[in-house]
Protein backbone atom coordinates (compact mmCIF):
# COMPACT_ATOMS: atom_id res chain seq x y z
CA MET A 1 -0.52 0.01 0.49
CA ALA A 2 2.97 2.54 1.23
CA THR A 3 3.84 2.20 -2.95
CA LYS A 4 0.21 3.69 -4.44
CA LEU A 5 0.21 6.18 -1.93
CA SER A 6 3.50 7.12 -2.91
CA ASN A 7 2.22 6.82 -6.68
CA GLU A 8 -1.18 9.15 -6.01
CA ILE A 9 1.58 11.47 -3.93
CA ILE A 10 3.49 11.81 -6.70
CA ALA A 11 0.65 12.10 -9.53
CA ALA A 12 -1.10 15.23 -7.33
CA ALA A 13 2.61 16.63 -7.33
CA ILE A 14 2.31 16.32 -11.15
CA GLN A 15 -1.30 18.21 -11.17
CA GLY A 16 -0.37 21.07 -9.14
CA TYR A 17 3.18 21.15 -11.10
CA GLU A 18 1.28 22.05 -14.29
CA ALA A 19 -0.83 24.12 -12.60
CA GLN A 20 1.19 26.45 -10.86
CA LYS A 21 3.47 26.11 -14.48
CA GLN A 22 -0.14 27.21 -16.54
CA GLN A 23 -1.26 30.38 -13.38
CA ILE A 24 3.30 31.63 -14.06
CA ASP A 25 2.89 31.52 -18.05
CA ALA A 26 -0.81 33.44 -17.55
CA LYS A 27 2.22 35.65 -15.67
CA LEU A 28 4.78 35.91 -18.33
CA ASP A 29 2.32 36.02 -21.51
CA GLU A 30 0.54 38.84 -19.19
CA LEU A 31 3.85 40.78 -18.80
CA ARG A 32 5.04 40.29 -22.12
CA GLY A 33 2.14 42.35 -23.09
CA MET A 34 3.45 44.77 -21.17
CA LEU A 35 6.60 45.72 -22.57
CA ALA A 36 5.14 45.67 -26.04
CA PRO A 37 1.57 45.69 -26.65
CA ARG A 38 -0.55 45.91 -30.06
CA THR A 39 -2.81 47.51 -30.81
CA SER A 40 -4.04 46.04 -34.32
CA GLU A 41 -3.96 42.69 -35.89
CA SER A 42 -1.78 44.28 -39.00
CA GLU A 43 0.80 44.61 -36.36
CA ALA A 44 0.66 41.21 -34.66
CA ALA A 45 2.94 39.60 -38.40
CA PRO A 46 6.83 40.32 -37.95
CA ARG A 47 7.41 43.29 -39.77
CA LYS A 48 9.79 42.45 -43.43
CA ARG A 49 13.06 44.04 -42.21
CA ARG A 50 14.84 46.18 -44.95
CA LYS A 51 17.61 45.19 -47.02
CA ARG A 52 21.00 47.32 -45.97
CA ARG A 53 22.88 47.79 -49.23
CA LEU A 54 26.50 49.30 -49.24
CA SER A 55 27.63 52.01 -50.80
CA PRO A 56 30.86 51.11 -53.30
CA GLU A 57 33.00 53.31 -50.71
CA GLY A 58 31.59 50.96 -47.65
CA ARG A 59 32.37 48.39 -48.93
CA ARG A 60 35.33 49.07 -49.68
CA ARG A 61 36.85 50.43 -47.14
CA ILE A 62 35.69 46.49 -45.41
CA ILE A 63 37.39 44.90 -48.15
CA GLU A 64 40.80 46.68 -47.32
CA ALA A 65 39.86 46.51 -44.32
CA THR A 66 40.15 42.58 -43.94
CA LYS A 67 43.43 42.03 -46.28
CA ARG A 68 45.12 44.99 -43.37
CA ARG A 69 43.69 42.53 -40.62
CA TRP A 70 44.80 38.98 -42.59
CA ALA A 71 48.92 39.68 -44.18
CA ALA A 72 48.68 41.37 -39.93
CA VAL A 73 48.05 37.32 -39.25
CA ARG A 74 50.31 36.56 -41.89
CA ALA A 75 52.68 38.40 -40.63
CA ALA A 76 52.33 37.12 -37.14
CA LYS A 77 52.19 33.86 -38.37
CA GLU A 78 54.91 33.89 -40.82
CA LYS A 79 57.57 36.07 -37.27
CA GLU A 80 56.67 32.86 -35.40
CA ALA A 81 57.75 30.69 -37.87
CA LYS A 82 61.27 32.11 -38.40
CA ARG A 83 61.22 32.55 -34.40
CA SER A 84 60.84 29.39 -34.23
CA ALA A 85 63.29 28.01 -36.96
CA SER A 86 66.00 29.65 -35.28
CA ALA A 87 64.78 28.04 -31.94
CA LYS A 88 66.13 24.71 -33.72
CA GLY A 89 68.93 25.42 -35.49
């Protein structure tokens, strides 16, 4: 009989926790609604973001910065390789 009582207590605990979970979820939804209230159905749908376009000058600056960054990485690797080669030799 101890296992049946134990199972009943576990089942009751599960039901209690499920009820608490539903209450918490309802309160969370309410709070989220307070953060970003939506007044109409048209606002309920997510907005499409406009594609951002770079000017040719902006693109060129990004490319140049990337090239400089990788050149620095390659130079550091070569410098480290020369150090290790001279230390071995």
